[in-house]
Amino acid sequence: MVNLRLGEPATILLYVLGRFHYEIDELKAAESQVIGYRPLGSISASSPASNHASGTAVTIRPDWYPAGSRGNFFPHQAVVLRDVLLECEGVVRWGGDDDRPDESRFTIDVPPGDKRLQRVAAKIRAWNGEPGQGAGAALNPFDAERRKAARKLQLQQAQD
């Protein structure tokens, strides 16, 4: 169980967690591998992790992917990770792309009420209502066109 802001942020971040679980590496309930909401007093307000105080960020296995390090994912896992970000249409930022990387963190990267946030959450909710859609669905993140689109998104986010 992970505590997140209800509504669009939870819908999107749970999708990220689902894809991570199904396609990158299994997240086991018995271990505390996922951190969502954290009180602001437990983190610096100027830290990128401050999104945790609003329930709009998740950290997956911070001990496995320590802040400040890069290259913690195998190449095939990195391809899937980029595909997850592509499906989220730039609404989610991966901490691995930050100047001081934190490959364990995924953050909602648009303001509350942003139309993109609403659109992506609606898309994911529609998938959740259809068998064979959403997290765990048969996608091919290695498809050349998907990889090209994921790389384009990565470059756009780097410019922002």
Foldseek 3Di string as FASTA:
>chain_A
DEDADPDLLVLLVVLLVLQCCQPFHNDDPVDPFKYFADDCVVDPCPDPCVLSPNRFKMFGRCVQQPWQDDDSGDPSNVLSNLLSCVLLVLQKDAQCLDPGRRRRMIGGDDDPPPVSSVVSSVVQVVQVVDPQGGRPHDDDSPPPVSSVSSVVSSVVVNVD
